[in-house]
Amino acid sequence: MRHVYVRGILSLIWIVAAVVSGISGNFEMAALYLVLGGVFLYSAYATWKKEKKGDK
């Protein structure tokens, strides 16, 4: 379960980096960071659902 938390935290860091890059005007990097954050967030969510389903 720890890896789910780590992936969630990493996704939040990437999304914050996307916001900071967007504010500074570097929209190409903001888009990249947003995609990376989304991938990490999806990975954490999918793993969490899979582990939760296995508990039942």
PDB file of N, CA and C in Angstrom:
ATOM      1  N   MET A   1       0.820  -1.195   0.000  1.00  0.00           N
ATOM      2  CA  MET A   1       0.000   0.000   0.000  1.00  0.00           C
ATOM      3  C   MET A   1       0.861   1.255   0.000  1.00  0.00           C
ATOM      4  N   ARG A   2       2.094   1.112   0.480  1.00  0.00           N
ATOM      5  CA  ARG A   2       2.971   2.264   0.547  1.00  0.00           C
ATOM      6  C   ARG A   2       3.262   2.838  -0.839  1.00  0.00           C
ATOM      7  N   HIS A   3       3.403   1.961  -1.853  1.00  0.00           N
ATOM      8  CA  HIS A   3       3.704   2.442  -3.200  1.00  0.00           C
ATOM      9  C   HIS A   3       2.549   3.267  -3.771  1.00  0.00           C
ATOM     10  N   VAL A   4       1.332   3.020  -3.314  1.00  0.00           N
ATOM     11  CA  VAL A   4       0.196   3.827  -3.760  1.00  0.00           C
ATOM     12  C   VAL A   4       0.342   5.245  -3.233  1.00  0.00           C
ATOM     13  N   TYR A   5       0.747   5.362  -1.970  1.00  0.00           N
ATOM     14  CA  TYR A   5       0.955   6.693  -1.381  1.00  0.00           C
ATOM     15  C   TYR A   5       2.102   7.430  -2.067  1.00  0.00           C
ATOM     16  N   VAL A   6       3.171   6.719  -2.353  1.00  0.00           N
ATOM     17  CA  VAL A   6       4.319   7.339  -3.015  1.00  0.00           C
ATOM     18  C   VAL A   6       3.925   7.838  -4.404  1.00  0.00           C
ATOM     19  N   ARG A   7       3.194   7.024  -5.157  1.00  0.00           N
ATOM     20  CA  ARG A   7       2.749   7.450  -6.486  1.00  0.00           C
ATOM     21  C   ARG A   7       1.808   8.641  -6.398  1.00  0.00           C
ATOM     22  N   GLY A   8       0.938   8.653  -5.396  1.00  0.00           N
ATOM     23  CA  GLY A   8       0.026   9.779  -5.209  1.00  0.00           C
ATOM     24  C   GLY A   8       0.772  11.064  -4.895  1.00  0.00           C
ATOM     25  N   ILE A   9       1.770  10.974  -4.032  1.00  0.00           N
ATOM     26  CA  ILE A   9       2.568  12.153  -3.685  1.00  0.00           C
ATOM     27  C   ILE A   9       3.355  12.634  -4.892  1.00  0.00           C
ATOM     28  N   LEU A  10       3.940  11.708  -5.648  1.00  0.00           N
ATOM     29  CA  LEU A  10       4.683  12.099  -6.853  1.00  0.00           C
ATOM     30  C   LEU A  10       3.768  12.762  -7.879  1.00  0.00           C
ATOM     31  N   SER A  11       2.543  12.265  -7.992  1.00  0.00           N
ATOM     32  CA  SER A  11       1.619  12.888  -8.942  1.00  0.00           C
ATOM     33  C   SER A  11       1.280  14.305  -8.514  1.00  0.00           C
ATOM     34  N   LEU A  12       1.106  14.529  -7.218  1.00  0.00           N
ATOM     35  CA  LEU A  12       0.836  15.889  -6.744  1.00  0.00           C
ATOM     36  C   LEU A  12       2.017  16.811  -6.991  1.00  0.00           C
ATOM     37  N   ILE A  13       3.224  16.302  -6.827  1.00  0.00           N
ATOM     38  CA  ILE A  13       4.423  17.114  -7.100  1.00  0.00           C
ATOM     39  C   ILE A  13       4.479  17.495  -8.577  1.00  0.00           C
ATOM     40  N   TRP A  14       4.194  16.541  -9.481  1.00  0.00           N
ATOM     41  CA  TRP A  14       4.209  16.836 -10.909  1.00  0.00           C
ATOM     42  C   TRP A  14       3.128  17.860 -11.270  1.00  0.00           C
ATOM     43  N   ILE A  15       1.955  17.745 -10.652  1.00  0.00           N
ATOM     44  CA  ILE A  15       0.871  18.683 -10.952  1.00  0.00           C
ATOM     45  C   ILE A  15       1.215  20.080 -10.438  1.00  0.00           C
ATOM     46  N   VAL A  16       1.840  20.172  -9.276  1.00  0.00           N
ATOM     47  CA  VAL A  16       2.287  21.476  -8.770  1.00  0.00           C
ATOM     48  C   VAL A  16       3.346  22.061  -9.694  1.00  0.00           C
ATOM     49  N   ALA A  17       4.249  21.225 -10.184  1.00  0.00           N
ATOM     50  CA  ALA A  17       5.261  21.693 -11.136  1.00  0.00           C
ATOM     51  C   ALA A  17       4.596  22.197 -12.415  1.00  0.00           C
ATOM     52  N   ALA A  18       3.523  21.554 -12.841  1.00  0.00           N
ATOM     53  CA  ALA A  18       2.797  22.007 -14.033  1.00  0.00           C
ATOM     54  C   ALA A  18       2.173  23.371 -13.790  1.00  0.00           C
ATOM     55  N   VAL A  19       1.614  23.581 -12.619  1.00  0.00           N
ATOM     56  CA  VAL A  19       1.004  24.869 -12.307  1.00  0.00           C
ATOM     57  C   VAL A  19       2.064  25.961 -12.267  1.00  0.00           C
ATOM     58  N   VAL A  20       3.197  25.682 -11.638  1.00  0.00           N
ATOM     59  CA  VAL A  20       4.276  26.666 -11.557  1.00  0.00           C
ATOM     60  C   VAL A  20       4.810  26.985 -12.946  1.00  0.00           C
ATOM     61  N   SER A  21       4.979  25.979 -13.783  1.00  0.00           N
ATOM     62  CA  SER A  21       5.458  26.211 -15.147  1.00  0.00           C
ATOM     63  C   SER A  21       4.435  26.990 -15.957  1.00  0.00           C
ATOM     64  N   GLY A  22       3.165  26.708 -15.753  1.00  0.00           N
ATOM     65  CA  GLY A  22       2.127  27.456 -16.460  1.00  0.00           C
ATOM     66  C   GLY A  22       2.100  28.917 -16.049  1.00  0.00           C
ATOM     67  N   ILE A  23       2.283  29.167 -14.767  1.00  0.00           N
ATOM     68  CA  ILE A  23       2.312  30.552 -14.287  1.00  0.00           C
ATOM     69  C   ILE A  23       3.522  31.290 -14.837  1.00  0.00           C
ATOM     70  N   SER A  24       4.665  30.612 -14.919  1.00  0.00           N
ATOM     71  CA  SER A  24       5.879  31.263 -15.417  1.00  0.00           C
ATOM     72  C   SER A  24       5.876  31.414 -16.937  1.00  0.00           C
ATOM     73  N   GLY A  25       4.920  30.790 -17.613  1.00  0.00           N
ATOM     74  CA  GLY A  25       4.788  30.977 -19.056  1.00  0.00           C
ATOM     75  C   GLY A  25       5.403  29.880 -19.897  1.00  0.00           C
ATOM     76  N   ASN A  26       5.916  28.843 -19.295  1.00  0.00           N
ATOM     77  CA  ASN A  26       6.524  27.747 -20.034  1.00  0.00           C
ATOM     78  C   ASN A  26       5.461  26.663 -20.237  1.00  0.00           C
ATOM     79  N   PHE A  27       4.605  26.872 -21.240  1.00  0.00           N
ATOM     80  CA  PHE A  27       3.434  26.024 -21.418  1.00  0.00           C
ATOM     81  C   PHE A  27       3.766  24.633 -21.942  1.00  0.00           C
ATOM     82  N   GLU A  28       4.868  24.488 -22.675  1.00  0.00           N
ATOM     83  CA  GLU A  28       5.247  23.165 -23.171  1.00  0.00           C
ATOM     84  C   GLU A  28       5.612  22.247 -22.006  1.00  0.00           C
ATOM     85  N   MET A  29       6.401  22.761 -21.083  1.00  0.00           N
ATOM     86  CA  MET A  29       6.786  21.965 -19.922  1.00  0.00           C
ATOM     87  C   MET A  29       5.598  21.751 -18.991  1.00  0.00           C
ATOM     88  N   ALA A  30       4.709  22.734 -18.911  1.00  0.00           N
ATOM     89  CA  ALA A  30       3.513  22.580 -18.078  1.00  0.00           C
ATOM     90  C   ALA A  30       2.658  21.423 -18.600  1.00  0.00           C
ATOM     91  N   ALA A  31       2.536  21.325 -19.909  1.00  0.00           N
ATOM     92  CA  ALA A  31       1.762  20.223 -20.495  1.00  0.00           C
ATOM     93  C   ALA A  31       2.437  18.879 -20.205  1.00  0.00           C
ATOM     94  N   LEU A  32       3.754  18.830 -20.329  1.00  0.00           N
ATOM     95  CA  LEU A  32       4.492  17.605 -20.039  1.00  0.00           C
ATOM     96  C   LEU A  32       4.314  17.203 -18.584  1.00  0.00           C
ATOM     97  N   TYR A  33       4.460  18.145 -17.669  1.00  0.00           N
ATOM     98  CA  TYR A  33       4.310  17.853 -16.250  1.00  0.00           C
ATOM     99  C   TYR A  33       2.888  17.427 -15.919  1.00  0.00           C
ATOM    100  N   LEU A  34       1.926  18.008 -16.586  1.00  0.00           N
ATOM    101  CA  LEU A  34       0.540  17.632 -16.358  1.00  0.00           C
ATOM    102  C   LEU A  34       0.277  16.195 -16.815  1.00  0.00           C
ATOM    103  N   VAL A  35       0.845  15.829 -17.943  1.00  0.00           N
ATOM    104  CA  VAL A  35       0.706  14.455 -18.427  1.00  0.00           C
ATOM    105  C   VAL A  35       1.377  13.477 -17.462  1.00  0.00           C
ATOM    106  N   LEU A  36       2.580  13.818 -17.011  1.00  0.00           N
ATOM    107  CA  LEU A  36       3.284  12.947 -16.068  1.00  0.00           C
ATOM    108  C   LEU A  36       2.513  12.816 -14.758  1.00  0.00           C
ATOM    109  N   GLY A  37       1.972  13.915 -14.269  1.00  0.00           N
ATOM    110  CA  GLY A  37       1.165  13.863 -13.057  1.00  0.00           C
ATOM    111  C   GLY A  37      -0.072  13.005 -13.243  1.00  0.00           C
ATOM    112  N   GLY A  38      -0.698  13.116 -14.401  1.00  0.00           N
ATOM    113  CA  GLY A  38      -1.871  12.304 -14.684  1.00  0.00           C
ATOM    114  C   GLY A  38      -1.554  10.822 -14.759  1.00  0.00           C
ATOM    115  N   VAL A  39      -0.415  10.489 -15.338  1.00  0.00           N
ATOM    116  CA  VAL A  39      -0.004   9.087 -15.439  1.00  0.00           C
ATOM    117  C   VAL A  39       0.253   8.510 -14.052  1.00  0.00           C
ATOM    118  N   PHE A  40       0.965   9.257 -13.217  1.00  0.00           N
ATOM    119  CA  PHE A  40       1.222   8.785 -11.861  1.00  0.00           C
ATOM    120  C   PHE A  40      -0.072   8.669 -11.071  1.00  0.00           C
ATOM    121  N   LEU A  41      -0.972   9.633 -11.234  1.00  0.00           N
ATOM    122  CA  LEU A  41      -2.237   9.592 -10.511  1.00  0.00           C
ATOM    123  C   LEU A  41      -3.089   8.413 -10.958  1.00  0.00           C
ATOM    124  N   TYR A  42      -3.144   8.159 -12.254  1.00  0.00           N
ATOM    125  CA  TYR A  42      -3.890   7.014 -12.765  1.00  0.00           C
ATOM    126  C   TYR A  42      -3.295   5.704 -12.254  1.00  0.00           C
ATOM    127  N   SER A  43      -1.978   5.627 -12.244  1.00  0.00           N
ATOM    128  CA  SER A  43      -1.313   4.422 -11.769  1.00  0.00           C
ATOM    129  C   SER A  43      -1.629   4.171 -10.293  1.00  0.00           C
ATOM    130  N   ALA A  44      -1.587   5.215  -9.492  1.00  0.00           N
ATOM    131  CA  ALA A  44      -1.893   5.067  -8.067  1.00  0.00           C
ATOM    132  C   ALA A  44      -3.346   4.658  -7.872  1.00  0.00           C
ATOM    133  N   TYR A  45      -4.249   5.265  -8.621  1.00  0.00           N
ATOM    134  CA  TYR A  45      -5.671   4.949  -8.480  1.00  0.00           C
ATOM    135  C   TYR A  45      -5.960   3.512  -8.909  1.00  0.00           C
ATOM    136  N   ALA A  46      -5.373   3.095 -10.026  1.00  0.00           N
ATOM    137  CA  ALA A  46      -5.611   1.734 -10.518  1.00  0.00           C
ATOM    138  C   ALA A  46      -5.076   0.694  -9.539  1.00  0.00           C
ATOM    139  N   THR A  47      -3.908   0.946  -8.975  1.00  0.00           N
ATOM    140  CA  THR A  47      -3.342   0.014  -8.011  1.00  0.00           C
ATOM    141  C   THR A  47      -4.173  -0.019  -6.741  1.00  0.00           C
ATOM    142  N   TRP A  48      -4.643   1.136  -6.302  1.00  0.00           N
ATOM    143  CA  TRP A  48      -5.470   1.217  -5.101  1.00  0.00           C
ATOM    144  C   TRP A  48      -6.771   0.442  -5.281  1.00  0.00           C
ATOM    145  N   LYS A  49      -7.413   0.615  -6.436  1.00  0.00           N
ATOM    146  CA  LYS A  49      -8.659  -0.104  -6.708  1.00  0.00           C
ATOM    147  C   LYS A  49      -8.416  -1.611  -6.759  1.00  0.00           C
ATOM    148  N   LYS A  50      -7.311  -2.015  -7.373  1.00  0.00           N
ATOM    149  CA  LYS A  50      -6.987  -3.425  -7.492  1.00  0.00           C
ATOM    150  C   LYS A  50      -6.740  -4.049  -6.114  1.00  0.00           C
ATOM    151  N   GLU A  51      -6.016  -3.344  -5.251  1.00  0.00           N
ATOM    152  CA  GLU A  51      -5.757  -3.858  -3.910  1.00  0.00           C
ATOM    153  C   GLU A  51      -7.023  -3.849  -3.066  1.00  0.00           C
ATOM    154  N   LYS A  52      -7.843  -2.844  -3.239  1.00  0.00           N
ATOM    155  CA  LYS A  52      -9.093  -2.761  -2.477  1.00  0.00           C
ATOM    156  C   LYS A  52     -10.044  -3.891  -2.889  1.00  0.00           C
ATOM    157  N   LYS A  53     -10.063  -4.209  -4.172  1.00  0.00           N
ATOM    158  CA  LYS A  53     -10.921  -5.276  -4.677  1.00  0.00           C
ATOM    159  C   LYS A  53     -10.457  -6.631  -4.145  1.00  0.00           C
ATOM    160  N   GLY A  54      -9.162  -6.787  -3.966  1.00  0.00           N
ATOM    161  CA  GLY A  54      -8.611  -8.034  -3.463  1.00  0.00           C
ATOM    162  C   GLY A  54      -8.896  -8.254  -1.990  1.00  0.00           C
ATOM    163  N   ASP A  55      -9.174  -7.181  -1.236  1.00  0.00           N
ATOM    164  CA  ASP A  55      -9.436  -7.305   0.196  1.00  0.00           C
ATOM    165  C   ASP A  55     -10.789  -7.929   0.488  1.00  0.00           C
ATOM    166  N   LYS A  56     -11.733  -7.804  -0.425  1.00  0.00           N
ATOM    167  CA  LYS A  56     -13.090  -8.291  -0.181  1.00  0.00           C
ATOM    168  C   LYS A  56     -13.205  -9.750  -0.279  1.00  0.00           C
TER     169      LYS A  56
END
